[in-house]
N, C-alpha and C. Protein backbone atom coordinates (compact mmCIF):
# COMPACT_ATOMS: atom_id res chain seq x y z
N MET A 1 -13.94 -22.99 -24.91
CA MET A 1 -13.07 -23.29 -23.79
C MET A 1 -12.33 -24.59 -24.04
N SER A 2 -11.03 -24.59 -23.80
CA SER A 2 -10.23 -25.80 -23.93
C SER A 2 -9.99 -26.38 -22.55
N ILE A 3 -10.96 -27.16 -22.09
CA ILE A 3 -10.84 -27.85 -20.81
C ILE A 3 -11.02 -29.33 -21.08
N TYR A 4 -10.04 -30.11 -20.63
CA TYR A 4 -10.09 -31.56 -20.81
C TYR A 4 -9.88 -32.25 -19.48
N ILE A 5 -10.44 -33.42 -19.38
CA ILE A 5 -10.13 -34.32 -18.28
C ILE A 5 -9.30 -35.45 -18.85
N LEU A 6 -8.18 -35.71 -18.23
CA LEU A 6 -7.30 -36.80 -18.61
C LEU A 6 -7.45 -37.87 -17.55
N THR A 7 -7.86 -39.05 -17.95
CA THR A 7 -8.09 -40.11 -16.98
C THR A 7 -7.58 -41.44 -17.51
N GLY A 8 -7.50 -42.39 -16.64
CA GLY A 8 -7.06 -43.74 -16.99
C GLY A 8 -6.61 -44.45 -15.73
N GLN A 9 -6.47 -45.74 -15.86
CA GLN A 9 -6.07 -46.55 -14.72
C GLN A 9 -4.62 -46.27 -14.34
N ILE A 10 -4.27 -46.60 -13.12
CA ILE A 10 -2.93 -46.37 -12.61
C ILE A 10 -1.90 -47.00 -13.55
N GLY A 11 -0.84 -46.24 -13.81
CA GLY A 11 0.25 -46.75 -14.64
C GLY A 11 0.06 -46.57 -16.13
N CYS A 12 -1.02 -45.91 -16.54
CA CYS A 12 -1.26 -45.76 -17.98
C CYS A 12 -0.45 -44.63 -18.60
N GLY A 13 0.13 -43.76 -17.78
CA GLY A 13 0.97 -42.68 -18.30
C GLY A 13 0.40 -41.29 -18.15
N LYS A 14 -0.55 -41.12 -17.25
CA LYS A 14 -1.16 -39.79 -17.06
C LYS A 14 -0.13 -38.74 -16.66
N SER A 15 0.82 -39.11 -15.82
CA SER A 15 1.83 -38.14 -15.37
C SER A 15 2.72 -37.69 -16.54
N GLU A 16 3.08 -38.61 -17.41
CA GLU A 16 3.86 -38.23 -18.59
C GLU A 16 3.05 -37.34 -19.52
N ALA A 17 1.78 -37.66 -19.68
CA ALA A 17 0.91 -36.83 -20.51
C ALA A 17 0.78 -35.44 -19.91
N GLN A 18 0.69 -35.36 -18.59
CA GLN A 18 0.61 -34.06 -17.93
C GLN A 18 1.84 -33.22 -18.24
N LYS A 19 3.02 -33.82 -18.20
CA LYS A 19 4.26 -33.10 -18.53
C LYS A 19 4.22 -32.57 -19.96
N ILE A 20 3.71 -33.39 -20.86
CA ILE A 20 3.61 -32.97 -22.27
C ILE A 20 2.68 -31.78 -22.40
N PHE A 21 1.52 -31.85 -21.77
CA PHE A 21 0.57 -30.74 -21.83
C PHE A 21 1.16 -29.47 -21.22
N GLN A 22 1.87 -29.60 -20.12
CA GLN A 22 2.46 -28.43 -19.48
C GLN A 22 3.49 -27.76 -20.39
N ASN A 23 4.19 -28.56 -21.19
CA ASN A 23 5.19 -28.01 -22.11
C ASN A 23 4.57 -27.30 -23.31
N ILE A 24 3.26 -27.48 -23.51
CA ILE A 24 2.60 -26.77 -24.62
C ILE A 24 1.57 -25.78 -24.08
N GLU A 25 1.88 -25.25 -22.91
CA GLU A 25 1.14 -24.14 -22.32
C GLU A 25 -0.28 -24.46 -21.88
N TYR A 26 -0.50 -25.69 -21.46
CA TYR A 26 -1.75 -26.03 -20.78
C TYR A 26 -1.48 -26.00 -19.28
N SER A 27 -2.44 -25.53 -18.52
CA SER A 27 -2.34 -25.57 -17.07
C SER A 27 -2.94 -26.90 -16.62
N CYS A 28 -2.13 -27.68 -15.93
CA CYS A 28 -2.56 -29.02 -15.51
C CYS A 28 -2.74 -29.07 -14.00
N PHE A 29 -3.81 -29.73 -13.60
CA PHE A 29 -4.14 -29.85 -12.19
C PHE A 29 -4.46 -31.31 -11.90
N CYS A 30 -3.68 -31.88 -11.03
CA CYS A 30 -3.79 -33.31 -10.73
C CYS A 30 -4.63 -33.52 -9.47
N ALA A 31 -5.66 -34.33 -9.60
CA ALA A 31 -6.53 -34.63 -8.46
C ALA A 31 -5.72 -35.22 -7.30
N ASP A 32 -4.77 -36.08 -7.60
CA ASP A 32 -3.96 -36.69 -6.54
C ASP A 32 -3.20 -35.64 -5.74
N SER A 33 -2.68 -34.62 -6.42
CA SER A 33 -1.96 -33.54 -5.72
C SER A 33 -2.91 -32.73 -4.83
N ILE A 34 -4.08 -32.47 -5.36
CA ILE A 34 -5.07 -31.74 -4.57
C ILE A 34 -5.47 -32.54 -3.34
N VAL A 35 -5.64 -33.84 -3.51
CA VAL A 35 -5.98 -34.71 -2.37
C VAL A 35 -4.86 -34.68 -1.33
N ARG A 36 -3.61 -34.77 -1.78
CA ARG A 36 -2.49 -34.71 -0.83
C ARG A 36 -2.51 -33.40 -0.03
N ASP A 37 -2.84 -32.30 -0.69
CA ASP A 37 -2.95 -31.01 0.02
C ASP A 37 -4.13 -31.03 1.00
N LEU A 38 -5.24 -31.61 0.57
CA LEU A 38 -6.40 -31.70 1.46
C LEU A 38 -6.10 -32.52 2.70
N TYR A 39 -5.29 -33.55 2.55
CA TYR A 39 -4.93 -34.41 3.68
C TYR A 39 -4.14 -33.66 4.75
N LYS A 40 -3.68 -32.48 4.46
CA LYS A 40 -2.95 -31.66 5.44
C LYS A 40 -3.87 -30.71 6.20
N LYS A 41 -5.12 -30.61 5.78
CA LYS A 41 -6.07 -29.68 6.40
C LYS A 41 -6.73 -30.34 7.61
N ASP A 42 -6.85 -29.59 8.67
CA ASP A 42 -7.40 -30.13 9.92
C ASP A 42 -8.82 -30.66 9.75
N TYR A 43 -9.68 -29.93 9.03
CA TYR A 43 -11.07 -30.39 8.89
C TYR A 43 -11.15 -31.69 8.10
N VAL A 44 -10.23 -31.90 7.16
CA VAL A 44 -10.21 -33.16 6.40
C VAL A 44 -9.67 -34.28 7.29
N LEU A 45 -8.61 -33.99 8.01
CA LEU A 45 -8.06 -34.99 8.92
C LEU A 45 -9.10 -35.44 9.95
N SER A 46 -9.89 -34.51 10.44
CA SER A 46 -10.91 -34.91 11.42
C SER A 46 -11.98 -35.79 10.79
N LYS A 47 -12.35 -35.51 9.54
CA LYS A 47 -13.33 -36.36 8.86
C LYS A 47 -12.77 -37.77 8.65
N ILE A 48 -11.52 -37.84 8.23
CA ILE A 48 -10.90 -39.15 8.01
C ILE A 48 -10.74 -39.88 9.33
N LYS A 49 -10.40 -39.14 10.36
CA LYS A 49 -10.23 -39.76 11.69
C LYS A 49 -11.53 -40.38 12.18
N GLU A 50 -12.66 -39.79 11.83
CA GLU A 50 -13.96 -40.36 12.19
C GLU A 50 -14.17 -41.72 11.52
N ILE A 51 -13.68 -41.86 10.30
CA ILE A 51 -13.89 -43.08 9.52
C ILE A 51 -12.79 -44.11 9.79
N LEU A 52 -11.54 -43.64 9.77
CA LEU A 52 -10.39 -44.54 9.92
C LEU A 52 -9.37 -43.92 10.89
N PRO A 53 -9.66 -43.96 12.18
CA PRO A 53 -8.78 -43.30 13.15
C PRO A 53 -7.35 -43.84 13.14
N GLU A 54 -7.18 -45.09 12.80
CA GLU A 54 -5.85 -45.69 12.82
C GLU A 54 -4.91 -45.11 11.76
N THR A 55 -5.46 -44.36 10.78
CA THR A 55 -4.62 -43.79 9.73
C THR A 55 -4.07 -42.42 10.09
N ILE A 56 -4.50 -41.87 11.22
CA ILE A 56 -4.06 -40.54 11.66
C ILE A 56 -3.14 -40.71 12.87
N ASN A 57 -1.95 -40.12 12.77
CA ASN A 57 -0.99 -40.18 13.87
C ASN A 57 -0.27 -38.84 13.96
N ASP A 58 -0.30 -38.23 15.13
CA ASP A 58 0.34 -36.92 15.36
C ASP A 58 -0.13 -35.87 14.35
N GLY A 59 -1.42 -35.88 14.04
CA GLY A 59 -1.98 -34.88 13.14
C GLY A 59 -1.62 -35.04 11.68
N LYS A 60 -1.11 -36.21 11.33
CA LYS A 60 -0.76 -36.49 9.93
C LYS A 60 -1.38 -37.81 9.52
N ILE A 61 -1.66 -37.89 8.23
CA ILE A 61 -2.25 -39.12 7.71
C ILE A 61 -1.16 -40.05 7.20
N ASN A 62 -1.29 -41.32 7.51
CA ASN A 62 -0.37 -42.33 6.99
C ASN A 62 -0.94 -42.79 5.64
N ILE A 63 -0.41 -42.21 4.58
CA ILE A 63 -0.94 -42.47 3.23
C ILE A 63 -0.82 -43.94 2.85
N ASP A 64 0.29 -44.56 3.18
CA ASP A 64 0.47 -45.98 2.83
C ASP A 64 -0.57 -46.85 3.51
N LEU A 65 -0.81 -46.60 4.79
CA LEU A 65 -1.81 -47.37 5.53
C LEU A 65 -3.20 -47.09 4.97
N LEU A 66 -3.50 -45.83 4.72
CA LEU A 66 -4.80 -45.48 4.15
C LEU A 66 -5.02 -46.19 2.83
N ARG A 67 -4.04 -46.14 1.93
CA ARG A 67 -4.15 -46.79 0.62
C ARG A 67 -4.38 -48.29 0.79
N ASP A 68 -3.61 -48.89 1.70
CA ASP A 68 -3.74 -50.34 1.92
C ASP A 68 -5.14 -50.70 2.40
N ILE A 69 -5.66 -49.94 3.35
CA ILE A 69 -6.99 -50.22 3.88
C ILE A 69 -8.07 -50.01 2.82
N LEU A 70 -7.99 -48.89 2.12
CA LEU A 70 -9.05 -48.55 1.16
C LEU A 70 -9.12 -49.52 -0.01
N PHE A 71 -7.97 -49.97 -0.48
CA PHE A 71 -8.01 -50.89 -1.62
C PHE A 71 -8.26 -52.33 -1.21
N ARG A 72 -8.51 -52.55 0.07
CA ARG A 72 -8.96 -53.85 0.57
C ARG A 72 -10.44 -53.82 0.95
N ASN A 73 -10.95 -52.61 1.17
CA ASN A 73 -12.32 -52.47 1.67
C ASN A 73 -13.03 -51.37 0.89
N TYR A 74 -13.80 -51.77 -0.10
CA TYR A 74 -14.44 -50.80 -1.00
C TYR A 74 -15.53 -49.99 -0.30
N GLU A 75 -16.09 -50.52 0.78
CA GLU A 75 -17.09 -49.75 1.53
C GLU A 75 -16.42 -48.55 2.20
N LEU A 76 -15.26 -48.79 2.79
CA LEU A 76 -14.51 -47.68 3.38
C LEU A 76 -14.00 -46.73 2.29
N MET A 77 -13.63 -47.28 1.15
CA MET A 77 -13.20 -46.45 0.02
C MET A 77 -14.31 -45.47 -0.35
N LYS A 78 -15.53 -45.97 -0.44
CA LYS A 78 -16.65 -45.11 -0.81
C LYS A 78 -16.86 -44.00 0.22
N LYS A 79 -16.73 -44.33 1.50
CA LYS A 79 -16.90 -43.31 2.54
C LYS A 79 -15.85 -42.21 2.42
N ILE A 80 -14.62 -42.60 2.20
CA ILE A 80 -13.55 -41.60 2.06
C ILE A 80 -13.74 -40.80 0.76
N GLU A 81 -14.09 -41.48 -0.32
CA GLU A 81 -14.34 -40.77 -1.59
C GLU A 81 -15.48 -39.77 -1.42
N ASP A 82 -16.54 -40.17 -0.75
CA ASP A 82 -17.68 -39.26 -0.55
C ASP A 82 -17.28 -38.03 0.26
N CYS A 83 -16.28 -38.17 1.08
CA CYS A 83 -15.79 -37.06 1.89
C CYS A 83 -14.84 -36.16 1.08
N ILE A 84 -13.94 -36.75 0.33
CA ILE A 84 -12.86 -36.01 -0.34
C ILE A 84 -13.23 -35.49 -1.72
N GLN A 85 -13.91 -36.30 -2.52
CA GLN A 85 -14.14 -35.91 -3.92
C GLN A 85 -14.92 -34.60 -4.09
N PRO A 86 -15.94 -34.33 -3.30
CA PRO A 86 -16.61 -33.02 -3.47
C PRO A 86 -15.66 -31.85 -3.24
N LEU A 87 -14.72 -32.00 -2.33
CA LEU A 87 -13.74 -30.95 -2.08
C LEU A 87 -12.81 -30.76 -3.28
N VAL A 88 -12.43 -31.86 -3.89
CA VAL A 88 -11.58 -31.80 -5.09
C VAL A 88 -12.34 -31.12 -6.23
N PHE A 89 -13.59 -31.50 -6.43
CA PHE A 89 -14.38 -30.90 -7.51
C PHE A 89 -14.65 -29.42 -7.26
N ASP A 90 -14.81 -29.02 -6.01
CA ASP A 90 -14.94 -27.60 -5.68
C ASP A 90 -13.67 -26.86 -6.08
N GLU A 91 -12.53 -27.47 -5.78
CA GLU A 91 -11.25 -26.86 -6.15
C GLU A 91 -11.13 -26.76 -7.68
N PHE A 92 -11.55 -27.79 -8.38
CA PHE A 92 -11.52 -27.75 -9.85
C PHE A 92 -12.39 -26.61 -10.38
N GLN A 93 -13.56 -26.43 -9.78
CA GLN A 93 -14.45 -25.35 -10.22
C GLN A 93 -13.80 -23.99 -9.99
N ASN A 94 -13.13 -23.83 -8.87
CA ASN A 94 -12.40 -22.58 -8.61
C ASN A 94 -11.30 -22.36 -9.65
N ILE A 95 -10.64 -23.42 -10.05
CA ILE A 95 -9.59 -23.33 -11.07
C ILE A 95 -10.19 -22.89 -12.40
N ILE A 96 -11.31 -23.46 -12.77
CA ILE A 96 -11.97 -23.08 -14.03
C ILE A 96 -12.29 -21.59 -14.03
N GLU A 97 -12.81 -21.11 -12.92
CA GLU A 97 -13.17 -19.69 -12.83
C GLU A 97 -11.95 -18.79 -12.89
N SER A 98 -10.81 -19.27 -12.43
CA SER A 98 -9.59 -18.47 -12.42
C SER A 98 -8.84 -18.53 -13.75
N TYR A 99 -8.75 -19.71 -14.34
CA TYR A 99 -7.92 -19.91 -15.51
C TYR A 99 -8.68 -19.79 -16.83
N LYS A 100 -9.91 -20.18 -16.85
CA LYS A 100 -10.82 -20.06 -17.99
C LYS A 100 -10.52 -20.99 -19.18
N ASP A 101 -9.26 -21.18 -19.55
CA ASP A 101 -8.96 -21.87 -20.81
C ASP A 101 -7.64 -22.65 -20.70
N ASN A 102 -7.47 -23.60 -21.62
CA ASN A 102 -6.27 -24.43 -21.69
C ASN A 102 -5.98 -25.11 -20.36
N ILE A 103 -6.96 -25.87 -19.92
CA ILE A 103 -6.87 -26.56 -18.63
C ILE A 103 -6.97 -28.07 -18.85
N ILE A 104 -6.12 -28.79 -18.15
CA ILE A 104 -6.19 -30.25 -18.11
C ILE A 104 -6.35 -30.66 -16.65
N PHE A 105 -7.41 -31.41 -16.37
CA PHE A 105 -7.58 -32.01 -15.05
C PHE A 105 -7.18 -33.48 -15.15
N VAL A 106 -6.22 -33.87 -14.36
CA VAL A 106 -5.72 -35.25 -14.36
C VAL A 106 -6.38 -35.96 -13.19
N ILE A 107 -7.20 -36.95 -13.53
CA ILE A 107 -8.02 -37.62 -12.52
C ILE A 107 -7.90 -39.14 -12.70
N PRO A 108 -7.62 -39.86 -11.63
CA PRO A 108 -7.60 -41.32 -11.75
C PRO A 108 -9.02 -41.86 -11.95
N ILE A 109 -9.11 -43.12 -12.19
CA ILE A 109 -10.43 -43.76 -12.29
C ILE A 109 -11.09 -43.69 -10.92
N ILE A 110 -12.25 -43.05 -10.88
CA ILE A 110 -13.01 -42.90 -9.64
C ILE A 110 -14.46 -43.27 -9.89
N ARG A 111 -15.20 -43.42 -8.82
CA ARG A 111 -16.60 -43.82 -8.93
C ARG A 111 -17.49 -42.65 -9.38
N ASN A 112 -17.22 -41.44 -8.94
CA ASN A 112 -18.04 -40.28 -9.21
C ASN A 112 -17.75 -39.74 -10.61
N ILE A 113 -18.73 -39.79 -11.51
CA ILE A 113 -18.51 -39.35 -12.88
C ILE A 113 -19.19 -38.02 -13.21
N HIS A 114 -19.82 -37.38 -12.24
CA HIS A 114 -20.56 -36.14 -12.49
C HIS A 114 -19.67 -35.07 -13.15
N PHE A 115 -18.50 -34.84 -12.61
CA PHE A 115 -17.59 -33.82 -13.16
C PHE A 115 -17.16 -34.18 -14.58
N PHE A 116 -17.03 -35.46 -14.85
CA PHE A 116 -16.58 -35.92 -16.16
C PHE A 116 -17.58 -35.56 -17.26
N LYS A 117 -18.84 -35.47 -16.92
CA LYS A 117 -19.87 -35.19 -17.91
C LYS A 117 -19.83 -33.76 -18.41
N LYS A 118 -19.12 -32.89 -17.70
CA LYS A 118 -19.09 -31.47 -18.04
C LYS A 118 -18.01 -31.10 -19.05
N HIS A 119 -17.03 -31.97 -19.26
CA HIS A 119 -15.87 -31.62 -20.08
C HIS A 119 -15.47 -32.79 -20.99
N ARG A 120 -14.71 -32.46 -22.00
CA ARG A 120 -14.21 -33.51 -22.90
C ARG A 120 -13.19 -34.36 -22.15
N THR A 121 -13.29 -35.65 -22.37
CA THR A 121 -12.45 -36.60 -21.63
C THR A 121 -11.50 -37.32 -22.56
N ILE A 122 -10.25 -37.38 -22.13
CA ILE A 122 -9.22 -38.16 -22.81
C ILE A 122 -8.95 -39.37 -21.92
N TYR A 123 -9.21 -40.54 -22.44
CA TYR A 123 -8.99 -41.78 -21.69
C TYR A 123 -7.69 -42.40 -22.18
N MET A 124 -6.78 -42.64 -21.27
CA MET A 124 -5.52 -43.31 -21.61
C MET A 124 -5.56 -44.74 -21.08
N PHE A 125 -4.95 -45.62 -21.86
CA PHE A 125 -4.83 -47.00 -21.38
C PHE A 125 -3.53 -47.59 -21.86
N ALA A 126 -3.10 -48.60 -21.16
CA ALA A 126 -1.92 -49.39 -21.53
C ALA A 126 -2.20 -50.81 -21.07
N ASP A 127 -1.50 -51.75 -21.67
CA ASP A 127 -1.74 -53.14 -21.27
C ASP A 127 -1.27 -53.34 -19.83
N GLU A 128 -1.82 -54.35 -19.19
CA GLU A 128 -1.56 -54.57 -17.77
C GLU A 128 -0.09 -54.80 -17.47
N LYS A 129 0.59 -55.52 -18.33
CA LYS A 129 2.01 -55.80 -18.11
C LYS A 129 2.82 -54.50 -18.08
N THR A 130 2.53 -53.61 -19.00
CA THR A 130 3.22 -52.31 -19.06
C THR A 130 2.90 -51.48 -17.83
N ARG A 131 1.62 -51.42 -17.47
CA ARG A 131 1.23 -50.64 -16.29
C ARG A 131 1.87 -51.19 -15.03
N ARG A 132 1.86 -52.49 -14.90
CA ARG A 132 2.45 -53.13 -13.71
C ARG A 132 3.94 -52.79 -13.61
N LYS A 133 4.64 -52.86 -14.72
CA LYS A 133 6.08 -52.56 -14.73
C LYS A 133 6.31 -51.10 -14.30
N ARG A 134 5.49 -50.20 -14.79
CA ARG A 134 5.63 -48.78 -14.42
C ARG A 134 5.41 -48.57 -12.93
N ILE A 135 4.41 -49.23 -12.38
CA ILE A 135 4.06 -49.03 -10.97
C ILE A 135 5.09 -49.69 -10.05
N GLU A 136 5.61 -50.83 -10.44
CA GLU A 136 6.59 -51.52 -9.60
C GLU A 136 7.83 -50.68 -9.36
N SER A 137 8.10 -49.72 -10.24
CA SER A 137 9.27 -48.86 -10.06
C SER A 137 9.02 -47.75 -9.05
N ARG A 138 7.79 -47.56 -8.62
CA ARG A 138 7.44 -46.52 -7.65
C ARG A 138 7.66 -47.03 -6.23
N ASP A 139 7.91 -46.09 -5.33
CA ASP A 139 8.00 -46.44 -3.91
C ASP A 139 6.61 -46.76 -3.37
N HIS A 140 6.57 -47.59 -2.35
CA HIS A 140 5.35 -47.88 -1.58
C HIS A 140 4.32 -48.71 -2.32
N TYR A 141 4.70 -49.40 -3.38
CA TYR A 141 3.75 -50.25 -4.11
C TYR A 141 4.32 -51.66 -4.18
N ASN A 142 3.67 -52.59 -3.48
CA ASN A 142 4.07 -53.99 -3.60
C ASN A 142 3.04 -54.71 -4.48
N LYS A 143 3.31 -55.98 -4.76
CA LYS A 143 2.45 -56.74 -5.67
C LYS A 143 1.00 -56.76 -5.19
N GLU A 144 0.80 -56.95 -3.89
CA GLU A 144 -0.56 -57.05 -3.36
C GLU A 144 -1.33 -55.74 -3.54
N ILE A 145 -0.71 -54.61 -3.22
CA ILE A 145 -1.43 -53.35 -3.36
C ILE A 145 -1.68 -53.03 -4.83
N ILE A 146 -0.73 -53.38 -5.69
CA ILE A 146 -0.93 -53.18 -7.13
C ILE A 146 -2.12 -54.02 -7.61
N ASP A 147 -2.16 -55.27 -7.19
CA ASP A 147 -3.29 -56.14 -7.57
C ASP A 147 -4.61 -55.56 -7.08
N ASN A 148 -4.63 -55.06 -5.85
CA ASN A 148 -5.86 -54.50 -5.28
C ASN A 148 -6.30 -53.24 -6.03
N ILE A 149 -5.35 -52.38 -6.38
CA ILE A 149 -5.68 -51.17 -7.13
C ILE A 149 -6.21 -51.54 -8.51
N PHE A 150 -5.54 -52.45 -9.19
CA PHE A 150 -5.99 -52.90 -10.51
C PHE A 150 -7.42 -53.44 -10.43
N SER A 151 -7.66 -54.27 -9.44
CA SER A 151 -8.99 -54.88 -9.28
C SER A 151 -10.05 -53.82 -9.03
N TYR A 152 -9.78 -52.89 -8.14
CA TYR A 152 -10.74 -51.83 -7.83
C TYR A 152 -11.03 -50.98 -9.06
N GLN A 153 -9.98 -50.50 -9.71
CA GLN A 153 -10.19 -49.62 -10.86
C GLN A 153 -10.90 -50.35 -12.00
N LYS A 154 -10.57 -51.60 -12.20
CA LYS A 154 -11.25 -52.37 -13.23
C LYS A 154 -12.74 -52.51 -12.93
N SER A 155 -13.07 -52.65 -11.65
CA SER A 155 -14.47 -52.85 -11.27
C SER A 155 -15.34 -51.61 -11.50
N ILE A 156 -14.73 -50.42 -11.51
CA ILE A 156 -15.52 -49.20 -11.68
C ILE A 156 -15.21 -48.46 -12.98
N ASP A 157 -14.32 -48.98 -13.79
CA ASP A 157 -13.87 -48.28 -14.99
C ASP A 157 -14.82 -48.50 -16.16
N ASN A 158 -15.64 -47.48 -16.41
CA ASN A 158 -16.46 -47.50 -17.63
C ASN A 158 -16.22 -46.21 -18.41
N TYR A 159 -15.08 -45.60 -18.18
CA TYR A 159 -14.75 -44.34 -18.82
C TYR A 159 -14.38 -44.51 -20.30
N LYS A 160 -13.76 -45.61 -20.63
CA LYS A 160 -13.29 -45.80 -22.00
C LYS A 160 -14.43 -45.66 -22.99
N ILE A 161 -15.56 -46.28 -22.69
CA ILE A 161 -16.68 -46.24 -23.64
C ILE A 161 -17.39 -44.89 -23.63
N ASN A 162 -17.15 -44.07 -22.61
CA ASN A 162 -17.83 -42.78 -22.51
C ASN A 162 -16.91 -41.59 -22.77
N SER A 163 -15.68 -41.84 -23.22
CA SER A 163 -14.72 -40.76 -23.41
C SER A 163 -14.79 -40.20 -24.83
N ASP A 164 -14.37 -38.96 -24.96
CA ASP A 164 -14.33 -38.31 -26.26
C ASP A 164 -13.12 -38.76 -27.08
N PHE A 165 -12.02 -39.06 -26.39
CA PHE A 165 -10.78 -39.46 -27.05
C PHE A 165 -10.17 -40.64 -26.28
N ILE A 166 -9.57 -41.56 -27.01
CA ILE A 166 -8.95 -42.73 -26.39
C ILE A 166 -7.53 -42.85 -26.93
N ILE A 167 -6.59 -42.99 -26.00
CA ILE A 167 -5.18 -43.10 -26.37
C ILE A 167 -4.58 -44.36 -25.77
N GLU A 168 -4.02 -45.17 -26.64
CA GLU A 168 -3.25 -46.32 -26.18
C GLU A 168 -1.83 -45.84 -25.91
N ASN A 169 -1.29 -46.18 -24.74
CA ASN A 169 0.04 -45.71 -24.37
C ASN A 169 0.93 -46.87 -23.96
N ASN A 170 1.24 -47.71 -24.92
CA ASN A 170 2.19 -48.80 -24.69
C ASN A 170 3.54 -48.49 -25.32
N GLY A 171 3.65 -47.35 -25.99
CA GLY A 171 4.86 -47.04 -26.75
C GLY A 171 5.75 -46.03 -26.06
N THR A 172 6.37 -45.19 -26.89
CA THR A 172 7.35 -44.23 -26.41
C THR A 172 6.67 -42.92 -26.01
N ILE A 173 7.43 -42.09 -25.35
CA ILE A 173 6.93 -40.76 -24.96
C ILE A 173 6.67 -39.93 -26.22
N ASP A 174 7.51 -40.06 -27.24
CA ASP A 174 7.28 -39.32 -28.49
C ASP A 174 5.97 -39.74 -29.15
N GLU A 175 5.66 -41.03 -29.11
CA GLU A 175 4.38 -41.50 -29.66
C GLU A 175 3.22 -40.92 -28.87
N LEU A 176 3.35 -40.89 -27.55
CA LEU A 176 2.31 -40.33 -26.70
C LEU A 176 2.12 -38.85 -27.01
N LYS A 177 3.20 -38.12 -27.15
CA LYS A 177 3.12 -36.70 -27.46
C LYS A 177 2.38 -36.47 -28.77
N ARG A 178 2.72 -37.25 -29.79
CA ARG A 178 2.05 -37.11 -31.09
C ARG A 178 0.55 -37.34 -30.95
N LYS A 179 0.16 -38.36 -30.21
CA LYS A 179 -1.26 -38.67 -30.03
C LYS A 179 -1.99 -37.56 -29.28
N LEU A 180 -1.35 -37.01 -28.26
CA LEU A 180 -1.98 -35.94 -27.49
C LEU A 180 -2.13 -34.67 -28.33
N LEU A 181 -1.11 -34.33 -29.10
CA LEU A 181 -1.17 -33.13 -29.93
C LEU A 181 -2.27 -33.24 -31.00
N GLU A 182 -2.50 -34.44 -31.50
CA GLU A 182 -3.57 -34.64 -32.49
C GLU A 182 -4.94 -34.30 -31.88
N ILE A 183 -5.11 -34.54 -30.61
CA ILE A 183 -6.39 -34.28 -29.96
C ILE A 183 -6.64 -32.80 -29.78
N ILE A 184 -5.65 -32.06 -29.35
CA ILE A 184 -5.90 -30.67 -28.97
C ILE A 184 -5.71 -29.67 -30.10
N LYS A 185 -5.31 -30.13 -31.26
CA LYS A 185 -5.14 -29.21 -32.39
C LYS A 185 -6.46 -28.78 -32.95
């Protein structure tokens, strides 16, 4: 079975890697996309409302407010992760049963590593200056939230030493593509 987990800290280039994999006939599934879909489900909204009622307004979650709160309060982050991550991993298991092969799961740095132990892991990294520049170009990210995300991910990131493959991504997209192709050949 060709199933990989692609992980790394924010801004390391996971989205670009996902595009590369999709162009070579891998089915890619992004945890962040699954989470966004889960945030639209009533049962998930009610769980989040129990923990952080101020983030729910008119039956919708305020993602920016949620992100801001969670990356300032790791105890609340853990509560939300404990609620959401099992649902994401259930969805991943359903995907495995449906697709069987040539699957890439794109997952940010998270506390729960159980799923990671089941599959080969590709860890991507880039220097902080490069990652910061990439993130600053995105909407809804200011210096403070970027600093908070970097701090949180750094505090729980032990994936590099436990990964099957490690890719430095400070260069061009062509360099990244070459590195990724070397892994899956």
